[in-house]
Amino acid sequence: MAWIFWVLIVFVLTFVEVITVSLVTIWFILAGILTCLLSLFIDSFIIQVIIFCALGAILVLTTKNKMKELIKRIKKQK
């Protein structure tokens, strides 16, 4: 039943992203979706939390600069 927790996390993070439009929580939304799917196969909640945090951090660190460049390019075109 841990998947219900991850679905709730995804909804909360989606709400936060819509309010803030910071493009940070969007990566944790993706991490939450992936963790939700993995929770169907992994019973340990602690391992699920570790996977969620690791995926979120990896996604933020690897895409943050690229997203900033993309946003700057889009703003220049307007």
C-alpha atoms as a PDB file:
ATOM      1  CA  MET A   1       0.000   0.000   0.000  1.00  0.00           C
ATOM      2  CA  ALA A   2       3.014   2.289  -0.101  1.00  0.00           C
ATOM      3  CA  TRP A   3       2.101   3.233  -3.657  1.00  0.00           C
ATOM      4  CA  ILE A   4      -0.795   5.292  -2.261  1.00  0.00           C
ATOM      5  CA  PHE A   5       1.713   7.364  -0.279  1.00  0.00           C
ATOM      6  CA  TRP A   6       3.761   7.999  -3.425  1.00  0.00           C
ATOM      7  CA  VAL A   7       0.685   8.987  -5.412  1.00  0.00           C
ATOM      8  CA  LEU A   8      -0.162  11.518  -2.673  1.00  0.00           C
ATOM      9  CA  ILE A   9       3.410  12.825  -2.756  1.00  0.00           C
ATOM     10  CA  VAL A  10       3.160  13.264  -6.529  1.00  0.00           C
ATOM     11  CA  PHE A  11      -0.106  15.209  -6.178  1.00  0.00           C
ATOM     12  CA  VAL A  12       1.302  17.450  -3.444  1.00  0.00           C
ATOM     13  CA  LEU A  13       4.477  18.130  -5.412  1.00  0.00           C
ATOM     14  CA  THR A  14       2.444  18.850  -8.539  1.00  0.00           C
ATOM     15  CA  PHE A  15       0.434  21.406  -6.577  1.00  0.00           C
ATOM     16  CA  VAL A  16       3.645  22.992  -5.272  1.00  0.00           C
ATOM     17  CA  GLU A  17       5.102  23.122  -8.798  1.00  0.00           C
ATOM     18  CA  VAL A  18       1.981  24.807 -10.172  1.00  0.00           C
ATOM     19  CA  ILE A  19       2.123  27.431  -7.418  1.00  0.00           C
ATOM     20  CA  THR A  20       5.856  28.132  -7.539  1.00  0.00           C
ATOM     21  CA  VAL A  21       6.828  27.327 -11.148  1.00  0.00           C
ATOM     22  CA  SER A  22      10.397  26.813  -9.964  1.00  0.00           C
ATOM     23  CA  LEU A  23      11.120  23.735 -12.099  1.00  0.00           C
ATOM     24  CA  VAL A  24      12.707  22.024  -9.115  1.00  0.00           C
ATOM     25  CA  THR A  25       9.805  20.015  -7.802  1.00  0.00           C
ATOM     26  CA  ILE A  26       9.046  18.745 -11.296  1.00  0.00           C
ATOM     27  CA  TRP A  27      12.038  16.415 -11.000  1.00  0.00           C
ATOM     28  CA  PHE A  28      10.817  15.150  -7.646  1.00  0.00           C
ATOM     29  CA  ILE A  29       7.423  14.551  -9.255  1.00  0.00           C
ATOM     30  CA  LEU A  30       9.144  12.284 -11.770  1.00  0.00           C
ATOM     31  CA  ALA A  31      11.092  10.623  -8.949  1.00  0.00           C
ATOM     32  CA  GLY A  32       7.810  10.093  -7.108  1.00  0.00           C
ATOM     33  CA  ILE A  33       6.201   8.470 -10.130  1.00  0.00           C
ATOM     34  CA  LEU A  34       9.172   6.145 -10.595  1.00  0.00           C
ATOM     35  CA  THR A  35       9.255   5.323  -6.884  1.00  0.00           C
ATOM     36  CA  CYS A  36       5.525   4.626  -6.976  1.00  0.00           C
ATOM     37  CA  LEU A  37       6.101   2.069  -9.711  1.00  0.00           C
ATOM     38  CA  LEU A  38       9.069   0.567  -7.871  1.00  0.00           C
ATOM     39  CA  SER A  39       7.052   0.318  -4.653  1.00  0.00           C
ATOM     40  CA  LEU A  40       5.047  -2.430  -6.317  1.00  0.00           C
ATOM     41  CA  PHE A  41       8.218  -4.551  -6.293  1.00  0.00           C
ATOM     42  CA  ILE A  42      10.130  -3.226  -3.263  1.00  0.00           C
ATOM     43  CA  ASP A  43       8.518  -3.734   0.136  1.00  0.00           C
ATOM     44  CA  SER A  44      10.952  -1.739   2.279  1.00  0.00           C
ATOM     45  CA  PHE A  45       9.670   1.803   2.734  1.00  0.00           C
ATOM     46  CA  ILE A  46      13.123   3.015   3.785  1.00  0.00           C
ATOM     47  CA  ILE A  47      14.610   1.785   0.514  1.00  0.00           C
ATOM     48  CA  GLN A  48      11.776   3.493  -1.362  1.00  0.00           C
ATOM     49  CA  VAL A  49      12.547   6.797   0.383  1.00  0.00           C
ATOM     50  CA  ILE A  50      16.246   6.426  -0.425  1.00  0.00           C
ATOM     51  CA  ILE A  51      15.407   5.740  -4.081  1.00  0.00           C
ATOM     52  CA  PHE A  52      13.077   8.758  -4.171  1.00  0.00           C
ATOM     53  CA  CYS A  53      15.687  11.093  -2.685  1.00  0.00           C
ATOM     54  CA  ALA A  54      18.488   9.751  -4.870  1.00  0.00           C
ATOM     55  CA  LEU A  55      16.441   9.965  -8.082  1.00  0.00           C
ATOM     56  CA  GLY A  56      15.239  13.460  -7.234  1.00  0.00           C
ATOM     57  CA  ALA A  57      18.739  14.680  -6.449  1.00  0.00           C
ATOM     58  CA  ILE A  58      20.235  13.102  -9.564  1.00  0.00           C
ATOM     59  CA  LEU A  59      17.539  14.576 -11.793  1.00  0.00           C
ATOM     60  CA  VAL A  60      17.884  18.055 -10.276  1.00  0.00           C
ATOM     61  CA  LEU A  61      21.683  18.063 -10.434  1.00  0.00           C
ATOM     62  CA  THR A  62      21.892  16.750 -13.993  1.00  0.00           C
ATOM     63  CA  THR A  63      19.211  18.927 -15.544  1.00  0.00           C
ATOM     64  CA  LYS A  64      19.150  22.201 -13.604  1.00  0.00           C
ATOM     65  CA  ASN A  65      21.707  24.060 -15.728  1.00  0.00           C
ATOM     66  CA  LYS A  66      20.257  22.745 -18.981  1.00  0.00           C
ATOM     67  CA  MET A  67      16.787  23.906 -17.971  1.00  0.00           C
ATOM     68  CA  LYS A  68      18.097  27.369 -17.069  1.00  0.00           C
ATOM     69  CA  GLU A  69      19.740  27.651 -20.498  1.00  0.00           C
ATOM     70  CA  LEU A  70      16.539  26.515 -22.195  1.00  0.00           C
ATOM     71  CA  ILE A  71      14.460  29.065 -20.297  1.00  0.00           C
ATOM     72  CA  LYS A  72      16.903  31.851 -21.220  1.00  0.00           C
ATOM     73  CA  ARG A  73      16.712  30.851 -24.886  1.00  0.00           C
ATOM     74  CA  ILE A  74      12.930  30.839 -24.804  1.00  0.00           C
ATOM     75  CA  LYS A  75      12.825  34.263 -23.153  1.00  0.00           C
ATOM     76  CA  LYS A  76      15.207  35.684 -25.791  1.00  0.00           C
ATOM     77  CA  GLN A  77      12.923  34.463 -28.580  1.00  0.00           C
ATOM     78  CA  LYS A  78       9.958  36.370 -27.157  1.00  0.00           C
END
